[in-house]
Amino acid sequence: MTIQELLRKHKIDPKDQKFLRSVFDFAEEAHKGQKRASGEPYVQHCLHTADSLATWGMLDRSTLGAALLHDVPENSDYTLDDIRKKFGDDITFLVLGITKLGRIKLRTQKDPTYIETLRRMVLAMAEDIRVILIKLADRLHNMNTLSALPRGKQERIALETLEVYAPLAARLGMGEVRGSLEDLAFPVVYPKEYNKLVAQVRPRIENAQHYIPRAIKEITKVLRLNEVYYSKITGRIKHMYSLYQKLQRPEYDHDLDKVFDIKALRIITDTVENCYSILGVIHKYFRPIPGRIKDYIAVPKPNGYQSLHTNIFGPEGKYIEIQIRTKKMDEQAEFGIASHWAYTETGKRKTGEHHRKLKKLEWAHQLSEWQKDNQDNPDEFFENLKIDFFKDRICVFTPKGDVKELPDGASTIDFAFAVHTDLGYHCCGAKINGKMSKLFTPLKNGDIVEIIEDKNPKVSRDWIDHTASTSARGKIKSYLNKNKEGFISRITPGFIKGKQK
């Protein structure tokens, strides 16, 4: 790849092209004579990192410039001051953030440096999300060229990818990036499991590769017959590591026959209304599998994912998953937060103010504030980080439709504290989807929860064992530590009333 090919491929703004060429010239000079383990010039890695970011929609010149320069301070004689003098503070800030993240190599979760690296990632995300996105692009290219490295180094990098970078991509809603990272790491970290799964699933994949084009042809006929607009239909086969993880779950018990989404069709249209129209047409001609319809448009996943999913007995009577979404939803599903970077909803390029708002993620900021208060307890930090950062999330609704995002496994107590701290102190029960439920009832994605209050606080130490969120646990511990006498009784009923929205 050349810099000209990169600029032409992504139709970079002419005003930025001259600047980015000068950045590339600087990077090429800095890495002059350097080769990667694969034998290619080192600067190719910089170009591929920038190419991934541009593909994700990160087209601002600071992000692309930092991608081209991200290894200069560590791998050349040029310094951050040299970069600042030539290209300004914004690019220098991003390169510094990437440099900090790259200095520590993860080995195992028991290694203190593992936790320290996670701390740094949290702080970097809270300060500017672009640092993490550049790091993900850097890691994606490293994984694509992993085979050139010694086996031991391959295993370390691949394990690090599975434990940190793939979950990070998932948390940012970058589904395709996550899938690519996992599939590249899977055979390196778990070669026996990978080979066994490939042997099991190969006949199904081969059949799916032949079946998908025929299914697309039949679905296309049906949609045209009913004059429902769509822009394209594509097929996909489930990512191998995602399939492996699904088979480990008790409800699947390693049985491939219980997995309905090995093959899927993705239908892209222009409006939400057409998404539902297409779903209706599909169900008119092909029998849906009971209990396998999911509406992530009405109730998005916590990472922002939106789509309609239905499993049907499709053409030729074979079951297949159908995913229906708009173009915007599709970009969000593939590239997550990065897909919001370049354009507003009206299609106009975003201004600097839009960029500044996107630089910080509220949940990452809250997590960074929390970890600053727990500097002396790295084990607790790591355990809570696994809950608040890496664990799957669910969306739960208040009676008025406000959404609260919680870790999977959260109870009504977690929800009460998420609504308001005082509501948490005074909760004594809950209605879930209109039915009375116990205080410790686990919640599911899409539940509507109304908390029942008692005028006197009911907090007890056993609540901690029935909570899944760091926030709720922290508030319970704080209350128990402070409430030796009269701490909570000073909160009047009038102050409590009406806190739940």
Protein backbone atom coordinates (compact mmCIF):
# COMPACT_ATOMS: atom_id res chain seq x y z
CA MET A 1 0.00 0.00 0.00
CA THR A 2 1.15 3.55 -0.73
CA ILE A 3 0.05 6.79 0.88
CA GLN A 4 -1.54 7.83 -2.41
CA GLU A 5 -3.57 4.62 -2.53
CA LEU A 6 -4.74 5.23 1.03
CA LEU A 7 -5.83 8.79 0.29
CA ARG A 8 -7.57 7.82 -2.95
CA LYS A 9 -9.30 4.74 -1.50
CA HIS A 10 -10.95 6.69 1.30
CA LYS A 11 -11.53 9.92 -0.61
CA ILE A 12 -9.69 11.98 1.97
CA ASP A 13 -10.55 15.67 1.97
CA PRO A 14 -8.17 17.47 -0.44
CA LYS A 15 -7.39 20.00 2.31
CA ASP A 16 -5.97 17.16 4.46
CA GLN A 17 -4.13 15.25 1.74
CA LYS A 18 -1.05 17.48 1.66
CA PHE A 19 -0.80 17.36 5.46
CA LEU A 20 -1.08 13.56 5.58
CA ARG A 21 1.52 13.15 2.84
CA SER A 22 3.95 15.19 4.95
CA VAL A 23 3.13 13.06 7.99
CA PHE A 24 3.78 9.90 5.99
CA ASP A 25 7.08 11.28 4.67
CA PHE A 26 8.15 11.91 8.27
CA ALA A 27 7.12 8.37 9.35
CA GLU A 28 8.87 6.83 6.34
CA GLU A 29 12.08 8.69 7.19
CA ALA A 30 11.82 7.70 10.87
CA HIS A 31 11.38 4.00 10.01
CA LYS A 32 13.89 4.04 7.13
CA GLY A 33 15.63 0.69 6.81
CA GLN A 34 13.39 -0.98 9.40
CA LYS A 35 11.72 -4.26 8.51
CA ARG A 36 8.95 -6.17 10.25
CA ALA A 37 9.34 -9.87 11.06
CA SER A 38 7.35 -10.58 7.89
CA GLY A 39 10.06 -8.86 5.85
CA GLU A 40 7.94 -5.91 4.67
CA PRO A 41 9.05 -2.30 5.31
CA TYR A 42 7.94 -1.17 8.77
CA VAL A 43 6.04 1.81 7.41
CA GLN A 44 3.56 -0.63 5.80
CA HIS A 45 2.27 -1.40 9.29
CA CYS A 46 1.60 2.31 9.82
CA LEU A 47 -0.30 2.54 6.52
CA HIS A 48 -2.43 -0.53 7.32
CA THR A 49 -3.25 0.88 10.76
CA ALA A 50 -4.42 4.13 9.17
CA ASP A 51 -6.33 2.17 6.51
CA SER A 52 -8.37 0.30 9.16
CA LEU A 53 -9.25 3.55 10.93
CA ALA A 54 -10.36 5.16 7.68
CA THR A 55 -12.47 2.09 6.88
CA TRP A 56 -14.17 2.50 10.27
CA GLY A 57 -15.01 6.11 9.40
CA MET A 58 -12.18 7.83 11.30
CA LEU A 59 -11.22 10.29 8.57
CA ASP A 60 -10.04 13.30 10.59
CA ARG A 61 -6.43 14.14 9.91
CA SER A 62 -5.30 13.98 13.53
CA THR A 63 -6.43 10.36 13.92
CA LEU A 64 -4.92 9.25 10.61
CA GLY A 65 -1.76 11.25 11.27
CA ALA A 66 -1.32 9.68 14.70
CA ALA A 67 -1.85 6.23 13.16
CA LEU A 68 0.99 6.88 10.71
CA LEU A 69 3.25 8.11 13.52
CA HIS A 70 2.19 5.83 16.38
CA ASP A 71 5.43 3.81 16.55
CA VAL A 72 7.88 6.62 15.84
CA PRO A 73 8.82 7.50 19.48
CA GLU A 74 9.41 3.85 20.41
CA ASN A 75 11.10 2.62 17.23
CA SER A 76 13.18 5.55 15.97
CA ASP A 77 15.46 8.36 17.07
CA TYR A 78 12.69 10.93 16.73
CA THR A 79 10.93 12.10 19.90
CA LEU A 80 7.50 13.36 20.85
CA ASP A 81 8.93 16.88 20.84
CA ASP A 82 9.94 16.40 17.22
CA ILE A 83 6.38 15.35 16.39
CA ARG A 84 4.91 18.28 18.35
CA LYS A 85 7.09 20.85 16.59
CA LYS A 86 6.18 19.53 13.16
CA PHE A 87 2.54 18.45 13.54
CA GLY A 88 1.07 20.08 16.64
CA ASP A 89 -0.34 19.14 20.04
CA ASP A 90 -3.37 17.06 19.01
CA ILE A 91 -1.42 14.43 17.09
CA THR A 92 1.28 14.43 19.76
CA PHE A 93 -1.28 13.79 22.48
CA LEU A 94 -2.64 10.77 20.59
CA VAL A 95 0.81 9.34 19.86
CA LEU A 96 1.75 9.76 23.53
CA GLY A 97 -1.37 7.88 24.60
CA ILE A 98 -0.58 4.99 22.25
CA THR A 99 3.04 4.95 23.39
CA LYS A 100 1.98 4.62 27.04
CA LEU A 101 -0.32 1.71 26.25
CA GLY A 102 2.39 -0.08 24.29
CA ARG A 103 5.08 -0.07 26.95
CA ILE A 104 3.61 -2.85 29.08
CA LYS A 105 3.13 -6.34 27.67
CA LEU A 106 0.44 -8.52 29.19
CA ARG A 107 1.35 -12.05 30.19
CA THR A 108 -1.25 -13.44 32.56
CA GLN A 109 -4.11 -12.02 34.57
CA LYS A 110 -2.07 -12.67 37.73
CA ASP A 111 0.76 -10.49 36.49
CA PRO A 112 0.58 -7.03 38.16
CA THR A 113 1.40 -5.43 34.80
CA TYR A 114 -1.85 -6.84 33.42
CA ILE A 115 -3.88 -4.78 35.85
CA GLU A 116 -1.72 -1.74 35.32
CA THR A 117 -2.28 -1.92 31.57
CA LEU A 118 -6.03 -2.14 32.09
CA ARG A 119 -5.83 0.94 34.31
CA ARG A 120 -4.04 2.81 31.55
CA MET A 121 -6.61 1.76 28.98
CA VAL A 122 -9.43 3.00 31.16
CA LEU A 123 -7.71 6.35 31.64
CA ALA A 124 -6.93 6.64 27.93
CA MET A 125 -10.55 5.94 26.98
CA ALA A 126 -11.81 8.47 29.47
CA GLU A 127 -9.50 11.12 28.04
CA ASP A 128 -9.82 10.51 24.30
CA ILE A 129 -11.43 7.46 22.68
CA ARG A 130 -9.29 7.89 19.56
CA VAL A 131 -6.27 6.53 21.44
CA ILE A 132 -8.02 3.20 21.95
CA LEU A 133 -9.36 3.08 18.39
CA ILE A 134 -5.85 3.56 17.00
CA LYS A 135 -4.61 0.85 19.34
CA LEU A 136 -7.31 -1.53 18.08
CA ALA A 137 -6.34 -0.83 14.46
CA ASP A 138 -2.69 -1.40 15.37
CA ARG A 139 -3.57 -4.70 17.05
CA LEU A 140 -5.73 -5.87 14.13
CA HIS A 141 -2.82 -5.55 11.69
CA ASN A 142 -0.43 -7.17 14.17
CA MET A 143 -2.80 -10.14 14.43
CA ASN A 144 -3.04 -10.40 10.64
CA THR A 145 0.76 -10.72 10.44
CA LEU A 146 1.21 -12.80 13.59
CA SER A 147 2.52 -15.91 11.84
CA ALA A 148 5.87 -14.23 11.17
CA LEU A 149 6.70 -14.15 14.91
CA PRO A 150 8.20 -16.89 17.11
CA ARG A 151 5.60 -19.25 18.58
CA GLY A 152 5.98 -18.00 22.16
CA LYS A 153 5.43 -14.41 21.14
CA GLN A 154 2.46 -15.41 19.00
CA GLU A 155 0.82 -17.06 22.02
CA ARG A 156 1.37 -14.06 24.28
CA ILE A 157 -0.01 -11.56 21.78
CA ALA A 158 -2.96 -13.78 20.86
CA LEU A 159 -3.90 -14.38 24.50
CA GLU A 160 -3.67 -10.66 25.18
CA THR A 161 -5.95 -10.09 22.19
CA LEU A 162 -8.59 -12.52 23.49
CA GLU A 163 -8.48 -11.24 27.06
CA VAL A 164 -8.30 -7.50 26.46
CA TYR A 165 -8.61 -6.22 22.91
CA ALA A 166 -11.52 -8.33 21.63
CA PRO A 167 -13.68 -7.58 24.74
CA LEU A 168 -12.68 -3.93 24.36
CA ALA A 169 -13.93 -3.92 20.76
CA ALA A 170 -17.16 -5.56 21.93
CA ARG A 171 -17.65 -2.92 24.64
CA LEU A 172 -17.29 -0.23 21.97
CA GLY A 173 -19.88 -1.95 19.76
CA MET A 174 -17.35 -2.93 17.09
CA GLY A 175 -18.76 -6.35 16.25
CA GLU A 176 -16.79 -7.10 13.09
CA VAL A 177 -13.52 -5.94 14.67
CA ARG A 178 -14.18 -8.13 17.68
CA GLY A 179 -14.98 -11.14 15.49
CA SER A 180 -11.83 -10.67 13.40
CA LEU A 181 -9.58 -10.35 16.45
CA GLU A 182 -11.10 -13.42 18.10
CA ASP A 183 -10.88 -15.59 14.98
CA LEU A 184 -7.24 -14.63 14.45
CA ALA A 185 -6.35 -15.39 18.09
CA PHE A 186 -8.44 -18.55 18.56
CA PRO A 187 -6.22 -21.08 16.70
CA VAL A 188 -3.10 -19.73 18.39
CA VAL A 189 -4.39 -19.75 21.97
CA TYR A 190 -6.54 -22.90 21.78
CA PRO A 191 -5.20 -24.93 18.84
CA LYS A 192 -6.70 -28.29 19.90
CA GLU A 193 -10.16 -26.81 20.49
CA TYR A 194 -9.95 -24.87 17.24
CA ASN A 195 -9.00 -27.90 15.16
CA LYS A 196 -11.70 -30.03 16.77
CA LEU A 197 -14.38 -27.41 16.08
CA VAL A 198 -13.23 -26.89 12.48
CA ALA A 199 -13.47 -30.62 11.85
CA GLN A 200 -17.00 -30.69 13.31
CA VAL A 201 -18.34 -27.65 11.54
CA ARG A 202 -16.57 -27.94 8.15
CA PRO A 203 -19.37 -29.88 6.42
CA ARG A 204 -21.93 -27.34 7.63
CA ILE A 205 -19.81 -24.43 6.46
CA GLU A 206 -19.30 -26.00 3.04
CA ASN A 207 -23.05 -26.58 2.73
CA ALA A 208 -23.73 -23.01 3.89
CA GLN A 209 -21.36 -21.58 1.28
CA HIS A 210 -23.39 -23.29 -1.45
CA TYR A 211 -26.76 -22.61 0.18
CA ILE A 212 -26.40 -18.89 0.92
CA PRO A 213 -26.39 -17.74 -2.75
CA ARG A 214 -29.52 -19.82 -3.43
CA ALA A 215 -31.22 -18.39 -0.32
CA ILE A 216 -30.33 -14.83 -1.35
CA LYS A 217 -31.88 -15.46 -4.77
CA GLU A 218 -35.15 -16.72 -3.25
CA ILE A 219 -35.40 -13.94 -0.62
CA THR A 220 -34.71 -11.35 -3.34
CA LYS A 221 -37.64 -12.68 -5.40
CA VAL A 222 -39.97 -12.50 -2.41
CA LEU A 223 -39.04 -8.92 -1.53
CA ARG A 224 -39.35 -7.73 -5.13
CA LEU A 225 -42.72 -9.48 -5.50
CA ASN A 226 -43.98 -7.56 -2.46
CA GLU A 227 -42.33 -4.29 -3.59
CA VAL A 228 -40.44 -3.78 -0.32
CA TYR A 229 -37.31 -1.66 -0.72
CA TYR A 230 -33.90 -3.05 0.27
CA SER A 231 -30.44 -1.90 -0.79
CA LYS A 232 -28.54 -5.18 -0.53
CA ILE A 233 -28.62 -8.73 0.82
CA THR A 234 -25.44 -10.44 1.95
CA GLY A 235 -24.65 -13.76 3.57
CA ARG A 236 -22.35 -14.52 6.45
CA ILE A 237 -21.09 -17.56 8.34
CA LYS A 238 -20.74 -17.27 12.11
CA HIS A 239 -17.30 -16.37 13.48
CA MET A 240 -15.55 -19.50 14.75
CA TYR A 241 -14.66 -18.22 18.21
CA SER A 242 -18.18 -16.90 18.73
CA LEU A 243 -19.51 -20.36 17.79
CA TYR A 244 -17.02 -21.99 20.17
CA GLN A 245 -18.12 -19.75 23.04
CA LYS A 246 -21.81 -20.41 22.34
CA LEU A 247 -21.25 -24.18 22.40
CA GLN A 248 -19.69 -23.92 25.88
CA ARG A 249 -22.93 -22.55 27.34
CA PRO A 250 -25.10 -25.07 29.25
CA GLU A 251 -28.15 -24.57 27.05
CA TYR A 252 -26.15 -25.65 23.97
CA ASP A 253 -24.04 -28.37 25.63
CA HIS A 254 -21.60 -28.65 22.69
CA ASP A 255 -24.46 -29.61 20.35
CA LEU A 256 -24.19 -27.96 16.92
CA ASP A 257 -27.79 -28.89 16.13
CA LYS A 258 -28.94 -26.41 18.77
CA VAL A 259 -27.17 -23.49 17.07
CA PHE A 260 -29.49 -21.76 14.58
CA ASP A 261 -27.26 -18.91 13.43
CA ILE A 262 -24.26 -20.67 11.89
CA LYS A 263 -25.41 -19.21 8.57
CA ALA A 264 -27.28 -15.93 8.20
CA LEU A 265 -28.52 -13.44 5.64
CA ARG A 266 -28.25 -9.72 6.30
CA ILE A 267 -30.80 -7.46 4.61
CA ILE A 268 -29.97 -3.75 4.49
CA THR A 269 -32.69 -1.18 3.87
CA ASP A 270 -33.21 2.56 4.25
CA THR A 271 -35.71 3.07 7.08
CA VAL A 272 -36.87 1.49 10.32
CA GLU A 273 -40.35 1.14 8.82
CA ASN A 274 -38.94 -0.94 5.98
CA CYS A 275 -37.09 -3.14 8.46
CA TYR A 276 -40.42 -4.19 9.97
CA SER A 277 -42.06 -4.48 6.55
CA ILE A 278 -39.32 -6.86 5.43
CA LEU A 279 -39.74 -8.90 8.60
CA GLY A 280 -43.46 -9.23 7.88
CA VAL A 281 -42.84 -10.37 4.30
CA ILE A 282 -40.22 -12.91 5.41
CA HIS A 283 -42.63 -14.41 7.96
CA LYS A 284 -45.40 -14.47 5.35
CA TYR A 285 -43.42 -16.80 3.08
CA PHE A 286 -41.14 -18.65 5.53
CA ARG A 287 -42.19 -20.15 8.86
CA PRO A 288 -40.35 -18.56 11.82
CA ILE A 289 -38.86 -20.77 14.52
CA PRO A 290 -40.80 -20.09 17.77
CA GLY A 291 -38.96 -18.02 20.36
CA ARG A 292 -36.21 -17.03 17.96
CA ILE A 293 -37.35 -13.48 17.04
CA LYS A 294 -35.33 -10.65 18.60
CA ASP A 295 -36.10 -6.96 18.21
CA TYR A 296 -32.87 -5.07 18.90
CA ILE A 297 -34.25 -2.00 17.14
CA ALA A 298 -36.89 -1.34 19.81
CA VAL A 299 -34.53 -2.55 22.56
CA PRO A 300 -30.91 -2.00 21.42
CA LYS A 301 -28.05 -3.90 23.01
CA PRO A 302 -26.12 -1.86 25.59
CA ASN A 303 -23.27 -1.27 23.14
CA GLY A 304 -25.72 0.37 20.72
CA TYR A 305 -26.30 -2.60 18.39
CA GLN A 306 -29.62 -2.44 16.54
CA SER A 307 -31.15 -5.02 14.20
CA LEU A 308 -34.09 -7.35 13.79
CA HIS A 309 -33.19 -11.04 14.08
CA THR A 310 -35.42 -13.94 13.11
CA ASN A 311 -34.67 -17.61 12.60
CA ILE A 312 -36.77 -19.22 9.90
CA PHE A 313 -37.21 -22.40 7.93
CA GLY A 314 -35.97 -20.70 4.81
CA PRO A 315 -35.68 -21.70 1.17
CA GLU A 316 -35.51 -25.49 0.70
CA GLY A 317 -36.83 -25.87 4.25
CA LYS A 318 -33.43 -25.22 5.83
CA TYR A 319 -33.20 -23.04 8.91
CA ILE A 320 -31.29 -19.81 8.64
CA GLU A 321 -31.02 -16.56 10.58
CA ILE A 322 -32.20 -13.34 8.92
CA GLN A 323 -30.83 -10.01 10.17
CA ILE A 324 -32.62 -6.85 9.03
CA ARG A 325 -31.25 -3.35 9.62
CA THR A 326 -30.70 0.07 8.12
CA LYS A 327 -27.38 1.14 6.60
CA LYS A 328 -26.66 3.28 9.64
CA MET A 329 -27.38 0.34 11.97
CA ASP A 330 -25.12 -1.88 9.87
CA GLU A 331 -22.21 0.56 10.15
CA GLN A 332 -22.83 0.80 13.90
CA ALA A 333 -22.81 -3.01 14.18
CA GLU A 334 -19.51 -3.31 12.35
CA PHE A 335 -17.57 -0.32 13.62
CA GLY A 336 -19.38 0.79 16.79
CA ILE A 337 -18.46 4.18 18.18
CA ALA A 338 -16.10 4.84 15.27
CA SER A 339 -19.06 4.86 12.88
CA HIS A 340 -20.40 7.97 14.64
CA TRP A 341 -17.20 9.91 14.18
CA ALA A 342 -17.26 11.30 10.68
CA TYR A 343 -20.85 12.29 9.96
CA THR A 344 -23.90 13.70 11.62
CA GLU A 345 -27.31 12.12 11.17
CA THR A 346 -27.98 14.50 8.29
CA GLY A 347 -24.94 13.21 6.43
CA LYS A 348 -22.84 16.34 6.93
CA ARG A 349 -19.31 16.08 8.19
CA LYS A 350 -19.00 16.64 11.90
CA THR A 351 -17.49 19.76 13.35
CA GLY A 352 -14.77 20.03 15.97
CA GLU A 353 -17.45 20.29 18.63
CA HIS A 354 -18.90 16.92 17.61
CA HIS A 355 -15.41 15.44 17.83
CA ARG A 356 -14.85 16.83 21.30
CA LYS A 357 -18.09 15.30 22.53
CA LEU A 358 -17.15 11.90 21.11
CA LYS A 359 -13.66 11.97 22.56
CA LYS A 360 -14.96 11.00 25.99
CA LEU A 361 -17.15 8.06 26.91
CA GLU A 362 -19.21 8.64 30.03
CA TRP A 363 -18.91 5.08 31.29
CA ALA A 364 -15.15 5.10 30.76
CA HIS A 365 -14.91 8.43 32.58
CA GLN A 366 -16.88 7.07 35.54
CA LEU A 367 -14.71 3.96 35.61
CA SER A 368 -11.53 6.03 35.61
CA GLU A 369 -12.81 8.13 38.51
CA TRP A 370 -13.65 4.96 40.41
CA GLN A 371 -10.25 3.37 39.82
CA LYS A 372 -8.48 6.49 41.09
CA ASP A 373 -10.17 5.87 44.43
CA ASN A 374 -8.99 2.26 44.48
CA GLN A 375 -5.30 2.65 43.70
CA ASP A 376 -4.28 0.60 46.75
CA ASN A 377 -6.38 -2.44 45.96
CA PRO A 378 -5.43 -3.72 42.48
CA ASP A 379 -7.15 -7.10 42.98
CA GLU A 380 -10.48 -5.42 43.73
CA PHE A 381 -9.96 -3.09 40.78
CA PHE A 382 -9.45 -6.04 38.44
CA GLU A 383 -12.43 -8.01 39.74
CA ASN A 384 -14.72 -5.02 39.39
CA LEU A 385 -13.29 -4.15 36.00
CA LYS A 386 -14.18 -7.62 34.75
CA ILE A 387 -17.77 -6.84 35.75
CA ASP A 388 -18.09 -3.25 34.56
CA PHE A 389 -15.91 -3.49 31.48
CA PHE A 390 -15.65 -7.00 30.07
CA LYS A 391 -18.92 -8.57 31.17
CA ASP A 392 -21.94 -8.61 28.88
CA ARG A 393 -24.45 -5.83 29.51
CA ILE A 394 -28.25 -5.72 29.66
CA CYS A 395 -30.71 -2.85 29.25
CA VAL A 396 -33.50 -2.53 31.83
CA PHE A 397 -36.31 0.04 31.73
CA THR A 398 -38.00 2.20 34.36
CA PRO A 399 -41.84 2.36 34.16
CA LYS A 400 -41.50 5.61 32.19
CA GLY A 401 -39.19 4.04 29.62
CA ASP A 402 -35.81 5.38 30.80
CA VAL A 403 -33.03 2.89 30.09
CA LYS A 404 -30.50 1.72 32.68
CA GLU A 405 -27.51 -0.27 31.49
CA LEU A 406 -26.34 -2.99 33.92
CA PRO A 407 -23.91 -5.92 33.88
CA ASP A 408 -25.38 -9.30 33.00
CA GLY A 409 -26.51 -10.97 36.23
CA ALA A 410 -27.63 -7.71 37.86
CA SER A 411 -30.51 -7.82 40.34
CA THR A 412 -33.26 -5.41 41.29
CA ILE A 413 -30.86 -3.91 43.85
CA ASP A 414 -28.41 -2.96 41.09
CA PHE A 415 -31.29 -1.36 39.20
CA ALA A 416 -32.50 0.61 42.24
CA PHE A 417 -29.06 2.11 42.82
CA ALA A 418 -28.69 2.84 39.09
CA VAL A 419 -31.90 4.92 39.23
CA HIS A 420 -30.89 6.83 42.36
CA THR A 421 -28.74 6.15 45.41
CA ASP A 422 -31.56 6.95 47.85
CA LEU A 423 -33.90 4.61 46.00
CA GLY A 424 -31.32 1.89 46.49
CA TYR A 425 -31.10 2.54 50.23
CA HIS A 426 -34.87 2.31 50.60
CA CYS A 427 -35.77 -0.49 48.19
CA CYS A 428 -37.60 -3.46 49.68
CA GLY A 429 -39.01 -5.20 46.60
CA ALA A 430 -39.85 -4.73 42.95
CA LYS A 431 -42.38 -5.26 40.20
CA ILE A 432 -40.80 -6.83 37.12
CA ASN A 433 -42.94 -6.56 34.00
CA GLY A 434 -45.92 -5.77 36.25
CA LYS A 435 -45.47 -8.77 38.58
CA MET A 436 -44.32 -8.61 42.20
CA SER A 437 -40.83 -10.05 42.59
CA LYS A 438 -38.29 -10.59 45.34
CA LEU A 439 -35.61 -8.06 46.07
CA PHE A 440 -32.75 -10.17 44.77
CA THR A 441 -34.41 -11.28 41.51
CA PRO A 442 -31.94 -11.38 38.57
CA LEU A 443 -32.94 -9.14 35.68
CA LYS A 444 -33.08 -9.89 31.97
CA ASN A 445 -32.52 -7.65 28.99
CA GLY A 446 -35.68 -5.64 28.26
CA ASP A 447 -37.29 -6.02 31.71
CA ILE A 448 -39.45 -3.15 32.98
CA VAL A 449 -38.78 -2.66 36.68
CA GLU A 450 -40.59 -0.61 39.30
CA ILE A 451 -38.89 -0.46 42.71
CA ILE A 452 -40.99 -0.71 45.87
CA GLU A 453 -39.74 1.61 48.62
CA ASP A 454 -39.82 1.48 52.39
CA LYS A 455 -39.60 4.75 54.30
CA ASN A 456 -36.86 3.22 56.45
CA PRO A 457 -33.61 2.04 54.83
CA LYS A 458 -33.19 -1.73 54.53
CA VAL A 459 -29.52 -1.97 53.61
CA SER A 460 -27.73 -5.05 54.93
CA ARG A 461 -24.35 -6.65 54.29
CA ASP A 462 -25.84 -9.64 52.44
CA TRP A 463 -26.96 -7.26 49.69
CA ILE A 464 -23.37 -7.26 48.43
CA ASP A 465 -23.67 -10.95 47.53
CA HIS A 466 -26.71 -10.18 45.38
CA THR A 467 -25.31 -7.30 43.32
CA ALA A 468 -23.34 -7.40 40.08
CA SER A 469 -22.42 -3.74 39.54
CA THR A 470 -19.41 -1.98 41.02
CA SER A 471 -21.49 1.14 41.59
CA ALA A 472 -24.12 -0.60 43.73
CA ARG A 473 -21.52 -2.50 45.75
CA GLY A 474 -19.60 0.67 46.42
CA LYS A 475 -22.70 2.52 47.62
CA ILE A 476 -23.74 -0.36 49.87
CA LYS A 477 -20.27 -0.55 51.43
CA SER A 478 -20.17 3.20 51.87
CA TYR A 479 -23.54 3.15 53.63
CA LEU A 480 -22.54 0.30 55.93
CA ASN A 481 -19.29 2.03 56.84
CA LYS A 482 -20.89 5.41 57.54
CA ASN A 483 -24.24 4.46 58.98
CA LYS A 484 -23.22 3.63 62.51
CA GLU A 485 -25.96 5.89 63.80
CA GLY A 486 -28.55 8.00 62.03
CA PHE A 487 -26.66 8.43 58.74
CA ILE A 488 -29.56 7.55 56.48
CA SER A 489 -32.39 8.56 58.79
CA ARG A 490 -31.55 12.17 58.09
CA ILE A 491 -32.91 11.71 54.55
CA THR A 492 -36.53 12.77 54.70
CA PRO A 493 -39.35 10.87 52.96
CA GLY A 494 -40.14 14.00 50.97
CA PHE A 495 -36.63 13.95 49.50
CA ILE A 496 -36.98 10.32 48.49
CA LYS A 497 -40.37 10.60 46.87
CA GLY A 498 -40.42 10.82 43.14
CA LYS A 499 -36.77 9.88 42.58
CA GLN A 500 -37.62 6.98 40.32
CA LYS A 501 -38.36 8.21 36.81
